[in-house]
């Protein structure tokens, strides 16, 4: 049971890390549209 809980905890933490980075990238691109356009 502890192994299963450990696996779930890793999946949840990885999921939140991915969501966090995706949100940070989205906010960065939304805040700085000039950088992506002008290069």
N, C-alpha and C. Protein backbone atom coordinates (compact mmCIF):
# COMPACT_ATOMS: atom_id res chain seq x y z
N UNK A 1 0.84 -1.20 0.00
CA UNK A 1 0.00 0.00 0.00
C UNK A 1 0.88 1.26 0.00
N UNK A 2 1.96 1.21 0.74
CA UNK A 2 2.84 2.38 0.78
C UNK A 2 3.47 2.62 -0.59
N UNK A 3 3.79 1.55 -1.29
CA UNK A 3 4.38 1.69 -2.63
C UNK A 3 3.39 2.39 -3.55
N UNK A 4 2.14 1.98 -3.49
CA UNK A 4 1.11 2.58 -4.34
C UNK A 4 0.95 4.06 -4.02
N UNK A 5 0.93 4.39 -2.75
CA UNK A 5 0.79 5.79 -2.34
C UNK A 5 1.99 6.59 -2.82
N UNK A 6 3.17 5.98 -2.76
CA UNK A 6 4.38 6.67 -3.20
C UNK A 6 4.30 6.96 -4.70
N UNK A 7 3.83 6.00 -5.47
CA UNK A 7 3.71 6.19 -6.92
C UNK A 7 2.73 7.31 -7.23
N UNK A 8 1.59 7.31 -6.53
CA UNK A 8 0.57 8.33 -6.76
C UNK A 8 1.13 9.71 -6.41
N UNK A 9 1.87 9.76 -5.30
CA UNK A 9 2.42 11.05 -4.87
C UNK A 9 3.40 11.58 -5.91
N UNK A 10 4.21 10.68 -6.50
CA UNK A 10 5.15 11.12 -7.53
C UNK A 10 4.41 11.61 -8.77
N UNK A 11 3.35 10.89 -9.15
CA UNK A 11 2.59 11.30 -10.32
C UNK A 11 1.96 12.67 -10.10
N UNK A 12 1.41 12.89 -8.91
CA UNK A 12 0.75 14.17 -8.62
C UNK A 12 1.78 15.29 -8.61
N UNK A 13 2.93 15.07 -7.99
CA UNK A 13 3.95 16.12 -7.91
C UNK A 13 4.47 16.44 -9.31
N UNK A 14 4.71 15.41 -10.13
CA UNK A 14 5.17 15.65 -11.50
C UNK A 14 4.12 16.41 -12.29
N UNK A 15 2.86 16.06 -12.09
CA UNK A 15 1.77 16.73 -12.80
C UNK A 15 1.73 18.21 -12.45
N UNK A 16 1.86 18.52 -11.15
CA UNK A 16 1.80 19.92 -10.71
C UNK A 16 3.01 20.70 -11.23
N UNK A 17 4.18 20.04 -11.28
CA UNK A 17 5.38 20.70 -11.80
C UNK A 17 5.18 21.03 -13.27
N UNK A 18 4.63 20.09 -14.03
CA UNK A 18 4.39 20.34 -15.46
C UNK A 18 3.39 21.47 -15.65
N UNK A 19 2.32 21.45 -14.85
CA UNK A 19 1.30 22.50 -14.96
C UNK A 19 1.91 23.86 -14.60
N UNK A 20 2.74 23.86 -13.57
CA UNK A 20 3.36 25.12 -13.12
C UNK A 20 4.23 25.70 -14.23
N UNK A 21 5.07 24.85 -14.84
CA UNK A 21 5.96 25.34 -15.90
C UNK A 21 5.17 25.76 -17.13
N UNK A 22 4.11 25.02 -17.44
CA UNK A 22 3.28 25.38 -18.59
C UNK A 22 2.61 26.73 -18.35
N UNK A 23 2.14 26.95 -17.12
CA UNK A 23 1.49 28.22 -16.80
C UNK A 23 2.51 29.35 -16.84
N UNK A 24 3.70 29.09 -16.32
CA UNK A 24 4.74 30.12 -16.32
C UNK A 24 5.12 30.48 -17.75
N UNK A 25 5.23 29.48 -18.61
CA UNK A 25 5.56 29.75 -20.01
C UNK A 25 4.44 30.52 -20.69
N UNK A 26 3.20 30.16 -20.39
CA UNK A 26 2.07 30.85 -20.98
C UNK A 26 2.01 32.30 -20.53
N UNK A 27 2.23 32.55 -19.24
CA UNK A 27 2.21 33.92 -18.72
C UNK A 27 3.35 34.71 -19.34
N UNK A 28 4.53 34.11 -19.46
CA UNK A 28 5.67 34.80 -20.05
C UNK A 28 5.40 35.20 -21.48
N UNK A 29 4.81 34.29 -22.27
CA UNK A 29 4.55 34.61 -23.68
C UNK A 29 3.43 35.64 -23.78
N UNK A 30 2.45 35.56 -22.88
CA UNK A 30 1.35 36.53 -22.91
C UNK A 30 1.84 37.92 -22.50
N UNK A 31 2.74 37.96 -21.57
CA UNK A 31 3.21 39.26 -21.07
C UNK A 31 4.20 39.90 -22.04
N UNK A 32 4.94 39.08 -22.78
CA UNK A 32 5.95 39.62 -23.68
C UNK A 32 5.69 39.17 -25.12
N UNK A 33 4.63 39.65 -25.74
CA UNK A 33 4.34 39.24 -27.12
C UNK A 33 5.36 39.82 -28.09
N UNK A 34 5.99 40.93 -27.72
CA UNK A 34 6.96 41.57 -28.61
C UNK A 34 8.17 40.67 -28.84
N UNK A 35 8.59 39.97 -27.78
CA UNK A 35 9.78 39.13 -27.90
C UNK A 35 9.56 38.00 -28.90
N UNK A 36 8.38 37.40 -28.87
CA UNK A 36 8.12 36.28 -29.76
C UNK A 36 7.97 36.77 -31.20
N UNK A 37 7.42 37.98 -31.37
CA UNK A 37 7.18 38.51 -32.72
C UNK A 37 8.47 39.04 -33.34
N UNK A 38 9.18 39.88 -32.58
CA UNK A 38 10.37 40.51 -33.13
C UNK A 38 11.56 39.56 -33.11
N UNK A 39 11.53 38.58 -32.20
CA UNK A 39 12.64 37.64 -32.13
C UNK A 39 13.84 38.26 -31.47
